[in-house]
Amino acid sequence: MQVKDKNEKLAVYQLTEMEHNIKIENLLRKGMFKEAQTIAISAKFPREIYAEICKEHADQLYDKKKEYD
């Protein structure tokens, strides 16, 4: 990928894709549960991993609800 840096010089960057497990961890940290679930399914992760993502989402929703009670 070629872009200009802050000195207007042409710079070349190599972009590499993250591993699926790192993507999922980052998405969970950001609260992007649906995207994490989609990646887990498309990468054919075990159902236990998908269930853990769902559990973390449910825990986050429950914690958010407790704040309003």
Protein backbone atom coordinates (compact mmCIF):
# COMPACT_ATOMS: atom_id res chain seq x y z
CA MET A 1 0.00 0.00 0.00
CA GLN A 2 1.47 3.35 -0.99
CA VAL A 3 0.61 6.53 0.90
CA LYS A 4 2.24 9.87 1.58
CA ASP A 5 3.63 10.40 5.06
CA LYS A 6 3.52 13.70 6.97
CA ASN A 7 6.56 14.99 5.03
CA GLU A 8 4.73 14.36 1.73
CA LYS A 9 7.18 11.57 0.90
CA LEU A 10 5.87 8.39 -0.62
CA ALA A 11 5.84 5.57 1.92
CA VAL A 12 5.11 1.88 1.41
CA TYR A 13 3.34 -0.18 4.07
CA GLN A 14 2.72 -3.89 4.12
CA LEU A 15 -0.64 -4.84 5.58
CA THR A 16 -1.09 -8.29 7.06
CA GLU A 17 -4.31 -9.88 8.20
CA MET A 18 -4.65 -10.77 11.86
CA GLU A 19 -5.33 -14.31 12.94
CA HIS A 20 -9.00 -15.03 13.60
CA ASN A 21 -8.58 -15.52 17.34
CA ILE A 22 -6.87 -12.13 17.68
CA LYS A 23 -9.63 -10.50 15.61
CA ILE A 24 -12.25 -12.02 17.89
CA GLU A 25 -10.45 -10.88 21.04
CA ASN A 26 -10.21 -7.32 19.71
CA LEU A 27 -13.86 -7.27 18.68
CA LEU A 28 -14.99 -8.55 22.07
CA ARG A 29 -12.94 -5.88 23.81
CA LYS A 30 -14.74 -3.28 21.68
CA GLY A 31 -18.16 -4.80 22.37
CA MET A 32 -18.67 -5.90 18.76
CA PHE A 33 -20.20 -9.27 19.58
CA LYS A 34 -22.13 -9.86 16.35
CA GLU A 35 -18.98 -9.38 14.27
CA ALA A 36 -17.05 -11.73 16.56
CA GLN A 37 -19.78 -14.35 16.14
CA THR A 38 -19.67 -13.97 12.35
CA ILE A 39 -15.91 -14.49 12.27
CA ALA A 40 -16.14 -17.50 14.58
CA ILE A 41 -18.71 -19.12 12.28
CA SER A 42 -16.88 -18.32 9.04
CA ALA A 43 -13.55 -19.57 10.46
CA LYS A 44 -15.28 -22.80 11.57
CA PHE A 45 -14.34 -22.37 15.23
CA PRO A 46 -15.72 -24.99 17.64
CA ARG A 47 -19.23 -24.41 18.95
CA GLU A 48 -17.76 -23.88 22.42
CA ILE A 49 -16.03 -20.72 21.21
CA TYR A 50 -19.25 -19.43 19.65
CA ALA A 51 -21.07 -20.20 22.91
CA GLU A 52 -18.42 -18.31 24.89
CA ILE A 53 -18.90 -15.25 22.67
CA CYS A 54 -22.66 -15.44 23.24
CA LYS A 55 -22.09 -15.81 26.99
CA GLU A 56 -19.85 -12.72 27.09
CA HIS A 57 -22.49 -10.76 25.18
CA ALA A 58 -25.22 -11.89 27.59
CA ASP A 59 -23.03 -11.01 30.59
CA GLN A 60 -22.43 -7.54 29.17
CA LEU A 61 -26.16 -7.00 28.60
CA TYR A 62 -26.95 -8.21 32.12
CA ASP A 63 -24.35 -5.90 33.66
CA LYS A 64 -25.76 -2.98 31.66
CA LYS A 65 -29.29 -3.80 32.88
CA LYS A 66 -28.15 -3.86 36.52
CA GLU A 67 -27.03 -0.26 36.19
CA TYR A 68 -30.64 0.80 35.55
CA ASP A 69 -32.23 -1.14 38.43
